[in-house]
């Protein structure tokens, strides 16, 4: 999209939306962040259908509750939190019944795409307790800072650090990499 909306920051777009524009400002926010939110939802739920529903729920919630954005964090961090909460709501209502399927990685440049390795990593990730899995997905897979992940998960930064540390150790154990470095 070219024009004035593409040149605005997320915060400016959200402010326009709250002020009652025709929906185009929020549409630009959606366009900018949909792929990343999809990746977060897919890794959180481990189910493409559940992830799609959660992303839709998350963006609808963000659209409706944009006025509640306080500006304490970046809009992208706020969207992560909204989408993760939508995922958790969906998971509480309906646990996925399908096993791990062969979903393509979010980054097409991922050269570590051997099927066995991907399935092993997914299986190990699925075996982690939900708090550790969410912390690892946000920090290690989505690239959020510890501070941003803490905002998304509504926990202290130290909690995110400890969940990541315990999750990484458990992943190494599950993948048989404990002594390898």
N, C-alpha and C. Protein backbone atom coordinates (compact mmCIF):
# COMPACT_ATOMS: atom_id res chain seq x y z
N UNK A 1 0.85 -1.18 0.00
CA UNK A 1 0.00 0.00 0.00
C UNK A 1 0.89 1.24 0.00
N UNK A 2 0.60 2.14 -0.89
CA UNK A 2 1.36 3.38 -0.91
C UNK A 2 0.47 4.50 -0.45
N UNK A 3 1.06 5.57 -0.07
CA UNK A 3 0.26 6.70 0.39
C UNK A 3 0.54 7.02 1.83
N UNK A 4 -0.25 7.91 2.38
CA UNK A 4 0.04 8.42 3.72
C UNK A 4 -0.05 7.37 4.83
N UNK A 5 -0.95 6.40 4.75
CA UNK A 5 -1.07 5.42 5.83
C UNK A 5 0.20 4.58 5.97
N UNK A 6 0.80 4.21 4.87
CA UNK A 6 1.99 3.36 4.94
C UNK A 6 3.18 4.09 5.56
N UNK A 7 3.11 5.39 5.63
CA UNK A 7 4.21 6.18 6.20
C UNK A 7 4.02 6.45 7.69
N UNK A 8 2.85 6.14 8.24
CA UNK A 8 2.56 6.40 9.65
C UNK A 8 3.09 5.27 10.53
N UNK A 9 3.40 5.61 11.77
CA UNK A 9 3.81 4.59 12.74
C UNK A 9 2.58 3.81 13.19
N UNK A 10 2.82 2.67 13.81
CA UNK A 10 1.71 1.88 14.34
C UNK A 10 0.91 2.69 15.35
N UNK A 11 1.60 3.45 16.18
CA UNK A 11 0.93 4.24 17.21
C UNK A 11 0.03 5.30 16.58
N UNK A 12 0.52 5.94 15.51
CA UNK A 12 -0.29 6.94 14.81
C UNK A 12 -1.51 6.30 14.15
N UNK A 13 -1.31 5.13 13.57
CA UNK A 13 -2.43 4.42 12.95
C UNK A 13 -3.49 4.04 13.98
N UNK A 14 -3.03 3.54 15.12
CA UNK A 14 -3.97 3.15 16.16
C UNK A 14 -4.74 4.36 16.68
N UNK A 15 -4.05 5.49 16.83
CA UNK A 15 -4.71 6.72 17.26
C UNK A 15 -5.78 7.14 16.25
N UNK A 16 -5.47 7.04 14.97
CA UNK A 16 -6.47 7.37 13.94
C UNK A 16 -7.68 6.45 14.05
N UNK A 17 -7.41 5.18 14.26
CA UNK A 17 -8.52 4.22 14.40
C UNK A 17 -9.40 4.59 15.59
N UNK A 18 -8.78 4.88 16.72
CA UNK A 18 -9.54 5.24 17.93
C UNK A 18 -10.35 6.51 17.70
N UNK A 19 -9.80 7.43 16.91
CA UNK A 19 -10.50 8.68 16.61
C UNK A 19 -11.66 8.48 15.64
N UNK A 20 -11.80 7.28 15.09
CA UNK A 20 -12.97 6.98 14.27
C UNK A 20 -12.77 7.07 12.77
N UNK A 21 -11.59 6.71 12.27
CA UNK A 21 -11.42 6.72 10.81
C UNK A 21 -12.28 5.63 10.19
N UNK A 22 -12.23 5.49 8.90
CA UNK A 22 -13.09 4.54 8.17
C UNK A 22 -12.63 3.08 8.25
N UNK A 23 -11.67 2.77 9.07
CA UNK A 23 -11.17 1.41 9.20
C UNK A 23 -9.88 1.17 8.45
N UNK A 24 -9.49 2.12 7.62
CA UNK A 24 -8.27 1.92 6.83
C UNK A 24 -7.02 1.93 7.70
N UNK A 25 -6.99 2.69 8.77
CA UNK A 25 -5.82 2.74 9.64
C UNK A 25 -5.61 1.39 10.32
N UNK A 26 -6.69 0.80 10.83
CA UNK A 26 -6.54 -0.51 11.46
C UNK A 26 -6.23 -1.57 10.40
N UNK A 27 -6.74 -1.40 9.20
CA UNK A 27 -6.41 -2.30 8.10
C UNK A 27 -4.92 -2.32 7.81
N UNK A 28 -4.29 -1.16 7.90
CA UNK A 28 -2.84 -1.07 7.71
C UNK A 28 -2.10 -1.78 8.85
N UNK A 29 -2.59 -1.63 10.07
CA UNK A 29 -1.99 -2.35 11.20
C UNK A 29 -2.10 -3.86 10.97
N UNK A 30 -3.28 -4.29 10.55
CA UNK A 30 -3.50 -5.71 10.26
C UNK A 30 -2.53 -6.18 9.18
N UNK A 31 -2.41 -5.43 8.10
CA UNK A 31 -1.52 -5.81 7.00
C UNK A 31 -0.08 -5.96 7.48
N UNK A 32 0.36 -5.05 8.33
CA UNK A 32 1.74 -5.08 8.83
C UNK A 32 2.03 -6.26 9.74
N UNK A 33 1.05 -6.67 10.51
CA UNK A 33 1.33 -7.62 11.60
C UNK A 33 0.67 -8.99 11.46
N UNK A 34 -0.15 -9.20 10.45
CA UNK A 34 -0.92 -10.46 10.36
C UNK A 34 -0.02 -11.69 10.27
N UNK A 35 1.05 -11.62 9.48
CA UNK A 35 1.90 -12.80 9.32
C UNK A 35 2.61 -13.18 10.62
N UNK A 36 3.10 -12.18 11.31
CA UNK A 36 3.80 -12.46 12.57
C UNK A 36 2.82 -12.98 13.63
N UNK A 37 1.61 -12.42 13.66
CA UNK A 37 0.61 -12.89 14.62
C UNK A 37 0.18 -14.31 14.28
N UNK A 38 0.11 -14.61 12.99
CA UNK A 38 -0.23 -15.98 12.57
C UNK A 38 0.85 -16.94 13.06
N UNK A 39 2.12 -16.58 12.91
CA UNK A 39 3.21 -17.44 13.35
C UNK A 39 3.16 -17.67 14.87
N UNK A 40 2.87 -16.60 15.62
CA UNK A 40 2.74 -16.72 17.08
C UNK A 40 1.59 -17.66 17.42
N UNK A 41 0.46 -17.47 16.78
CA UNK A 41 -0.72 -18.29 17.08
C UNK A 41 -0.48 -19.75 16.71
N UNK A 42 0.16 -19.98 15.57
CA UNK A 42 0.40 -21.35 15.14
C UNK A 42 1.36 -22.06 16.10
N UNK A 43 2.39 -21.36 16.53
CA UNK A 43 3.33 -21.98 17.46
C UNK A 43 2.72 -22.14 18.85
N UNK A 44 1.80 -21.27 19.21
CA UNK A 44 1.17 -21.35 20.53
C UNK A 44 0.15 -22.48 20.57
N UNK A 45 -0.67 -22.59 19.54
CA UNK A 45 -1.76 -23.57 19.55
C UNK A 45 -1.36 -24.91 18.95
N UNK A 46 -0.37 -24.89 18.03
CA UNK A 46 0.07 -26.09 17.32
C UNK A 46 -1.06 -26.70 16.48
N UNK A 47 -2.00 -25.87 16.04
CA UNK A 47 -3.13 -26.34 15.25
C UNK A 47 -3.53 -25.21 14.29
N UNK A 48 -3.38 -25.42 12.98
CA UNK A 48 -3.67 -24.33 12.02
C UNK A 48 -5.08 -23.77 12.12
N UNK A 49 -6.07 -24.62 12.31
CA UNK A 49 -7.45 -24.12 12.40
C UNK A 49 -7.65 -23.31 13.67
N UNK A 50 -7.14 -23.82 14.77
CA UNK A 50 -7.26 -23.10 16.04
C UNK A 50 -6.49 -21.78 15.97
N UNK A 51 -5.32 -21.81 15.33
CA UNK A 51 -4.52 -20.59 15.19
C UNK A 51 -5.26 -19.55 14.35
N UNK A 52 -5.89 -19.98 13.27
CA UNK A 52 -6.63 -19.04 12.42
C UNK A 52 -7.77 -18.40 13.20
N UNK A 53 -8.48 -19.20 13.98
CA UNK A 53 -9.57 -18.65 14.80
C UNK A 53 -9.04 -17.69 15.85
N UNK A 54 -7.92 -18.04 16.45
CA UNK A 54 -7.34 -17.19 17.49
C UNK A 54 -6.84 -15.87 16.92
N UNK A 55 -6.23 -15.91 15.74
CA UNK A 55 -5.77 -14.67 15.11
C UNK A 55 -6.97 -13.77 14.80
N UNK A 56 -8.02 -14.38 14.27
CA UNK A 56 -9.24 -13.60 13.99
C UNK A 56 -9.80 -13.01 15.28
N UNK A 57 -9.90 -13.82 16.32
CA UNK A 57 -10.39 -13.33 17.61
C UNK A 57 -9.50 -12.20 18.13
N UNK A 58 -8.17 -12.40 18.03
CA UNK A 58 -7.23 -11.42 18.53
C UNK A 58 -7.36 -10.09 17.82
N UNK A 59 -7.42 -10.10 16.49
CA UNK A 59 -7.53 -8.84 15.76
C UNK A 59 -8.90 -8.19 15.98
N UNK A 60 -9.94 -8.99 16.10
CA UNK A 60 -11.26 -8.40 16.42
C UNK A 60 -11.23 -7.73 17.79
N UNK A 61 -10.62 -8.41 18.75
CA UNK A 61 -10.51 -7.82 20.09
C UNK A 61 -9.69 -6.54 20.06
N UNK A 62 -8.59 -6.56 19.31
CA UNK A 62 -7.75 -5.36 19.20
C UNK A 62 -8.52 -4.23 18.52
N UNK A 63 -9.27 -4.56 17.49
CA UNK A 63 -10.08 -3.55 16.78
C UNK A 63 -11.08 -2.91 17.73
N UNK A 64 -11.77 -3.76 18.49
CA UNK A 64 -12.82 -3.27 19.39
C UNK A 64 -12.27 -2.54 20.62
N UNK A 65 -11.11 -2.98 21.08
CA UNK A 65 -10.57 -2.45 22.34
C UNK A 65 -9.35 -1.57 22.14
N UNK A 66 -9.21 -1.03 20.95
CA UNK A 66 -8.03 -0.19 20.65
C UNK A 66 -7.93 0.99 21.61
N UNK A 67 -9.06 1.47 22.10
CA UNK A 67 -9.05 2.59 23.03
C UNK A 67 -8.40 2.25 24.36
N UNK A 68 -8.26 0.96 24.65
CA UNK A 68 -7.64 0.55 25.92
C UNK A 68 -6.11 0.51 25.81
N UNK A 69 -5.57 0.69 24.61
CA UNK A 69 -4.11 0.71 24.44
C UNK A 69 -3.56 1.95 25.15
N UNK A 70 -2.68 1.72 26.13
CA UNK A 70 -2.17 2.81 26.96
C UNK A 70 -0.87 3.41 26.43
N UNK A 71 -0.24 2.72 25.52
CA UNK A 71 1.02 3.23 24.98
C UNK A 71 2.23 2.88 25.84
N UNK A 72 2.06 1.98 26.82
CA UNK A 72 3.19 1.57 27.66
C UNK A 72 4.20 0.72 26.89
N UNK A 73 3.73 0.08 25.83
CA UNK A 73 4.58 -0.78 25.00
C UNK A 73 4.30 -0.45 23.54
N UNK A 74 5.06 -1.10 22.66
CA UNK A 74 4.81 -0.90 21.24
C UNK A 74 3.48 -1.55 20.86
N UNK A 75 2.87 -1.08 19.79
CA UNK A 75 1.62 -1.67 19.31
C UNK A 75 1.83 -3.14 18.99
N UNK A 76 2.96 -3.49 18.41
CA UNK A 76 3.22 -4.89 18.07
C UNK A 76 3.26 -5.77 19.33
N UNK A 77 3.81 -5.27 20.41
CA UNK A 77 3.85 -6.02 21.66
C UNK A 77 2.44 -6.19 22.21
N UNK A 78 1.64 -5.13 22.14
CA UNK A 78 0.25 -5.20 22.57
C UNK A 78 -0.51 -6.22 21.73
N UNK A 79 -0.30 -6.23 20.41
CA UNK A 79 -0.97 -7.20 19.55
C UNK A 79 -0.54 -8.63 19.89
N UNK A 80 0.74 -8.83 20.19
CA UNK A 80 1.19 -10.15 20.62
C UNK A 80 0.40 -10.61 21.85
N UNK A 81 0.25 -9.70 22.79
CA UNK A 81 -0.46 -10.06 24.01
C UNK A 81 -1.92 -10.40 23.72
N UNK A 82 -2.56 -9.60 22.89
CA UNK A 82 -3.97 -9.84 22.54
C UNK A 82 -4.11 -11.19 21.83
N UNK A 83 -3.22 -11.48 20.89
CA UNK A 83 -3.31 -12.74 20.14
C UNK A 83 -2.96 -13.94 21.03
N UNK A 84 -1.94 -13.82 21.86
CA UNK A 84 -1.61 -14.93 22.77
C UNK A 84 -2.79 -15.19 23.72
N UNK A 85 -3.40 -14.14 24.24
CA UNK A 85 -4.58 -14.33 25.10
C UNK A 85 -5.71 -15.01 24.34
N UNK A 86 -5.91 -14.64 23.09
CA UNK A 86 -6.95 -15.29 22.28
C UNK A 86 -6.61 -16.76 22.08
N UNK A 87 -5.34 -17.06 21.87
CA UNK A 87 -4.91 -18.46 21.75
C UNK A 87 -5.19 -19.24 23.03
N UNK A 88 -4.81 -18.65 24.14
CA UNK A 88 -5.03 -19.33 25.42
C UNK A 88 -6.52 -19.54 25.68
N UNK A 89 -7.34 -18.56 25.34
CA UNK A 89 -8.79 -18.72 25.48
C UNK A 89 -9.29 -19.88 24.63
N UNK A 90 -8.85 -19.93 23.38
CA UNK A 90 -9.25 -21.02 22.48
C UNK A 90 -8.77 -22.37 23.02
N UNK A 91 -7.53 -22.42 23.50
CA UNK A 91 -7.00 -23.68 24.02
C UNK A 91 -7.76 -24.14 25.27
N UNK A 92 -8.16 -23.20 26.11
CA UNK A 92 -8.91 -23.58 27.30
C UNK A 92 -10.27 -24.17 26.93
N UNK A 93 -10.87 -23.63 25.87
CA UNK A 93 -12.19 -24.11 25.44
C UNK A 93 -12.10 -25.41 24.66
N UNK A 94 -11.02 -25.59 23.91
CA UNK A 94 -10.93 -26.75 23.04
C UNK A 94 -9.48 -27.14 22.86
N UNK A 95 -9.10 -28.24 23.40
CA UNK A 95 -7.73 -28.73 23.20
C UNK A 95 -7.65 -29.31 21.79
N UNK A 96 -6.58 -29.05 21.07
CA UNK A 96 -6.43 -29.61 19.73
C UNK A 96 -6.42 -31.14 19.80
N UNK A 97 -7.07 -31.76 18.83
CA UNK A 97 -7.12 -33.22 18.80
C UNK A 97 -6.19 -33.80 17.75
N UNK A 98 -5.63 -32.96 16.89
CA UNK A 98 -4.74 -33.46 15.86
C UNK A 98 -3.32 -33.53 16.40
N UNK A 99 -2.56 -34.44 15.83
CA UNK A 99 -1.16 -34.57 16.21
C UNK A 99 -0.34 -33.53 15.46
N UNK A 100 0.92 -33.47 15.74
CA UNK A 100 1.79 -32.51 15.06
C UNK A 100 1.78 -32.81 13.57
N UNK A 101 1.47 -31.80 12.76
CA UNK A 101 1.48 -31.99 11.32
C UNK A 101 2.68 -31.26 10.73
N UNK A 102 2.87 -31.43 9.46
CA UNK A 102 4.05 -30.88 8.81
C UNK A 102 3.76 -29.49 8.25
N UNK A 103 3.72 -28.50 9.13
CA UNK A 103 3.48 -27.12 8.74
C UNK A 103 4.81 -26.52 8.30
N UNK A 104 4.77 -25.79 7.20
CA UNK A 104 6.00 -25.15 6.72
C UNK A 104 6.45 -24.09 7.71
N UNK A 105 7.76 -23.87 7.83
CA UNK A 105 8.25 -22.84 8.75
C UNK A 105 7.81 -21.46 8.30
N UNK A 106 7.66 -20.54 9.27
CA UNK A 106 7.23 -19.18 8.96
C UNK A 106 8.26 -18.46 8.09
N UNK A 107 9.51 -18.79 8.26
CA UNK A 107 10.58 -18.16 7.50
C UNK A 107 11.02 -19.09 6.38
N UNK A 108 10.71 -18.76 5.12
CA UNK A 108 11.06 -19.67 4.03
C UNK A 108 12.56 -19.84 3.83
N UNK A 109 13.38 -19.00 4.48
CA UNK A 109 14.83 -19.13 4.37
C UNK A 109 15.39 -20.11 5.38
N UNK A 110 14.53 -20.77 6.14
CA UNK A 110 14.96 -21.71 7.16
C UNK A 110 15.62 -22.92 6.49
N UNK A 111 16.94 -23.05 6.64
CA UNK A 111 17.66 -24.13 5.99
C UNK A 111 17.71 -25.40 6.86
N UNK A 112 17.17 -25.34 8.06
CA UNK A 112 17.15 -26.50 8.96
C UNK A 112 15.79 -27.18 8.85
N UNK A 113 15.39 -27.48 7.63
CA UNK A 113 14.03 -27.96 7.44
C UNK A 113 13.95 -29.46 7.20
N UNK A 114 14.95 -30.19 7.61
CA UNK A 114 14.85 -31.64 7.50
C UNK A 114 13.65 -32.09 8.30
N UNK A 115 12.83 -32.91 7.69
CA UNK A 115 11.57 -33.31 8.31
C UNK A 115 11.76 -33.91 9.69
N UNK A 116 12.75 -34.76 9.85
CA UNK A 116 12.96 -35.42 11.13
C UNK A 116 13.31 -34.41 12.22
N UNK A 117 14.17 -33.47 11.89
CA UNK A 117 14.59 -32.46 12.87
C UNK A 117 13.40 -31.59 13.25
N UNK A 118 12.63 -31.14 12.26
CA UNK A 118 11.47 -30.29 12.54
C UNK A 118 10.47 -31.02 13.42
N UNK A 119 10.21 -32.27 13.11
CA UNK A 119 9.25 -33.03 13.92
C UNK A 119 9.77 -33.26 15.33
N UNK A 120 11.07 -33.54 15.47
CA UNK A 120 11.65 -33.73 16.80
C UNK A 120 11.54 -32.45 17.62
N UNK A 121 11.85 -31.32 17.00
CA UNK A 121 11.78 -30.05 17.73
C UNK A 121 10.33 -29.74 18.11
N UNK A 122 9.41 -29.94 17.18
CA UNK A 122 7.99 -29.69 17.49
C UNK A 122 7.50 -30.59 18.61
N UNK A 123 7.91 -31.86 18.57
CA UNK A 123 7.49 -32.79 19.61
C UNK A 123 8.05 -32.37 20.97
N UNK A 124 9.31 -31.97 20.99
CA UNK A 124 9.93 -31.52 22.24
C UNK A 124 9.25 -30.25 22.74
N UNK A 125 8.99 -29.32 21.85
CA UNK A 125 8.31 -28.08 22.22
C UNK A 125 6.92 -28.37 22.77
N UNK A 126 6.22 -29.31 22.15
CA UNK A 126 4.87 -29.67 22.61
C UNK A 126 4.89 -30.32 23.99
N UNK A 127 6.02 -30.95 24.34
CA UNK A 127 6.12 -31.64 25.63
C UNK A 127 6.38 -30.67 26.79
N UNK A 128 6.76 -29.44 26.48
CA UNK A 128 7.04 -28.46 27.53
C UNK A 128 5.76 -27.99 28.19
N UNK A 129 5.84 -27.61 29.46
CA UNK A 129 4.68 -26.98 30.09
C UNK A 129 4.34 -25.68 29.34
N UNK A 130 3.07 -25.34 29.28
CA UNK A 130 2.62 -24.19 28.51
C UNK A 130 3.37 -22.89 28.81
N UNK A 131 3.62 -22.55 30.09
CA UNK A 131 4.35 -21.30 30.35
C UNK A 131 5.75 -21.26 29.73
N UNK A 132 6.46 -22.39 29.78
CA UNK A 132 7.80 -22.45 29.19
C UNK A 132 7.70 -22.38 27.67
N UNK A 133 6.75 -23.10 27.09
CA UNK A 133 6.58 -23.10 25.64
C UNK A 133 6.28 -21.70 25.13
N UNK A 134 5.36 -20.99 25.80
CA UNK A 134 5.00 -19.64 25.36
C UNK A 134 6.19 -18.70 25.45
N UNK A 135 6.96 -18.79 26.52
CA UNK A 135 8.13 -17.92 26.67
C UNK A 135 9.14 -18.20 25.56
N UNK A 136 9.41 -19.47 25.27
CA UNK A 136 10.36 -19.80 24.21
C UNK A 136 9.87 -19.37 22.84
N UNK A 137 8.59 -19.55 22.57
CA UNK A 137 8.04 -19.13 21.28
C UNK A 137 8.22 -17.63 21.09
N UNK A 138 7.89 -16.86 22.12
CA UNK A 138 7.97 -15.41 21.99
C UNK A 138 9.40 -14.91 21.90
N UNK A 139 10.29 -15.43 22.75
CA UNK A 139 11.66 -14.92 22.80
C UNK A 139 12.55 -15.55 21.73
N UNK A 140 12.58 -16.87 21.67
CA UNK A 140 13.52 -17.54 20.77
C UNK A 140 13.01 -17.68 19.35
N UNK A 141 11.72 -17.81 19.17
CA UNK A 141 11.20 -18.02 17.81
C UNK A 141 10.68 -16.75 17.17
N UNK A 142 10.06 -15.89 17.97
CA UNK A 142 9.50 -14.66 17.42
C UNK A 142 10.43 -13.46 17.58
N UNK A 143 11.47 -13.62 18.38
CA UNK A 143 12.47 -12.57 18.51
C UNK A 143 12.08 -11.41 19.41
N UNK A 144 11.07 -11.58 20.25
CA UNK A 144 10.73 -10.51 21.18
C UNK A 144 11.80 -10.42 22.25
N UNK A 145 12.00 -9.25 22.78
CA UNK A 145 12.92 -9.10 23.90
C UNK A 145 12.25 -9.71 25.14
N UNK A 146 13.04 -9.95 26.16
CA UNK A 146 12.49 -10.48 27.41
C UNK A 146 11.45 -9.50 27.97
N UNK A 147 11.74 -8.21 27.88
CA UNK A 147 10.81 -7.19 28.38
C UNK A 147 9.48 -7.23 27.61
N UNK A 148 9.56 -7.36 26.29
CA UNK A 148 8.33 -7.42 25.49
C UNK A 148 7.55 -8.69 25.80
N UNK A 149 8.25 -9.82 25.93
CA UNK A 149 7.57 -11.08 26.25
C UNK A 149 6.90 -10.99 27.63
N UNK A 150 7.54 -10.31 28.56
CA UNK A 150 6.96 -10.14 29.90
C UNK A 150 5.65 -9.37 29.81
N UNK A 151 5.61 -8.36 28.96
CA UNK A 151 4.37 -7.59 28.78
C UNK A 151 3.30 -8.48 28.16
N UNK A 152 3.67 -9.23 27.11
CA UNK A 152 2.71 -10.11 26.43
C UNK A 152 2.13 -11.14 27.40
N UNK A 153 2.99 -11.73 28.22
CA UNK A 153 2.57 -12.80 29.12
C UNK A 153 2.06 -12.29 30.47
N UNK A 154 2.22 -10.99 30.69
CA UNK A 154 1.77 -10.37 31.93
C UNK A 154 2.45 -10.98 33.15
N UNK A 155 3.78 -11.13 33.03
CA UNK A 155 4.60 -11.64 34.13
C UNK A 155 5.86 -10.77 34.23
N UNK A 156 6.61 -10.97 35.27
CA UNK A 156 7.86 -10.22 35.46
C UNK A 156 8.92 -10.70 34.48
N UNK A 157 9.87 -9.82 34.16
CA UNK A 157 10.95 -10.18 33.25
C UNK A 157 11.74 -11.38 33.76
N UNK A 158 11.98 -11.41 35.06
CA UNK A 158 12.70 -12.54 35.65
C UNK A 158 11.98 -13.86 35.44
N UNK A 159 10.66 -13.81 35.44
CA UNK A 159 9.87 -15.01 35.20
C UNK A 159 10.06 -15.50 33.78
N UNK A 160 10.08 -14.57 32.82
CA UNK A 160 10.32 -14.94 31.43
C UNK A 160 11.70 -15.56 31.29
N UNK A 161 12.70 -14.94 31.91
CA UNK A 161 14.07 -15.47 31.84
C UNK A 161 14.14 -16.88 32.41
N UNK A 162 13.52 -17.11 33.56
CA UNK A 162 13.60 -18.44 34.16
C UNK A 162 12.82 -19.47 33.35
N UNK A 163 11.66 -19.05 32.79
CA UNK A 163 10.89 -19.99 31.96
C UNK A 163 11.68 -20.36 30.71
N UNK A 164 12.35 -19.37 30.11
CA UNK A 164 13.17 -19.65 28.93
C UNK A 164 14.33 -20.57 29.29
N UNK A 165 14.98 -20.30 30.39
CA UNK A 165 16.11 -21.12 30.80
C UNK A 165 15.68 -22.56 31.06
N UNK A 166 14.60 -22.72 31.83
CA UNK A 166 14.11 -24.08 32.11
C UNK A 166 13.62 -24.76 30.84
N UNK A 167 12.96 -23.99 29.96
CA UNK A 167 12.47 -24.55 28.70
C UNK A 167 13.60 -25.00 27.80
N UNK A 168 14.65 -24.18 27.70
CA UNK A 168 15.81 -24.55 26.88
C UNK A 168 16.49 -25.81 27.42
N UNK A 169 16.62 -25.87 28.73
CA UNK A 169 17.24 -27.06 29.34
C UNK A 169 16.39 -28.31 29.07
N UNK A 170 15.09 -28.16 29.19
CA UNK A 170 14.20 -29.30 28.93
C UNK A 170 14.26 -29.70 27.46
N UNK A 171 14.30 -28.71 26.56
CA UNK A 171 14.40 -29.01 25.13
C UNK A 171 15.70 -29.77 24.84
N UNK A 172 16.81 -29.32 25.42
CA UNK A 172 18.09 -29.99 25.21
C UNK A 172 18.01 -31.44 25.69
N UNK A 173 17.38 -31.65 26.86
CA UNK A 173 17.22 -33.00 27.40
C UNK A 173 16.37 -33.83 26.45
N UNK A 174 15.24 -33.29 26.03
CA UNK A 174 14.32 -34.03 25.17
C UNK A 174 14.92 -34.35 23.80
N UNK A 175 15.79 -33.48 23.33
CA UNK A 175 16.41 -33.68 22.02
C UNK A 175 17.74 -34.42 22.11
N UNK A 176 18.16 -34.79 23.33
CA UNK A 176 19.40 -35.51 23.52
C UNK A 176 20.64 -34.66 23.29
N UNK A 177 20.53 -33.37 23.60
CA UNK A 177 21.64 -32.44 23.36
C UNK A 177 22.26 -31.92 24.64
N UNK A 178 22.04 -32.58 25.75
CA UNK A 178 22.49 -32.06 27.04
C UNK A 178 23.98 -31.78 27.09
N UNK A 179 24.81 -32.66 26.63
CA UNK A 179 26.25 -32.48 26.73
C UNK A 179 26.87 -31.81 25.52
N UNK A 180 26.08 -31.62 24.47
CA UNK A 180 26.61 -31.05 23.22
C UNK A 180 26.71 -29.53 23.31
N UNK A 181 27.81 -28.98 22.88
CA UNK A 181 28.00 -27.51 22.80
C UNK A 181 29.12 -27.21 21.89
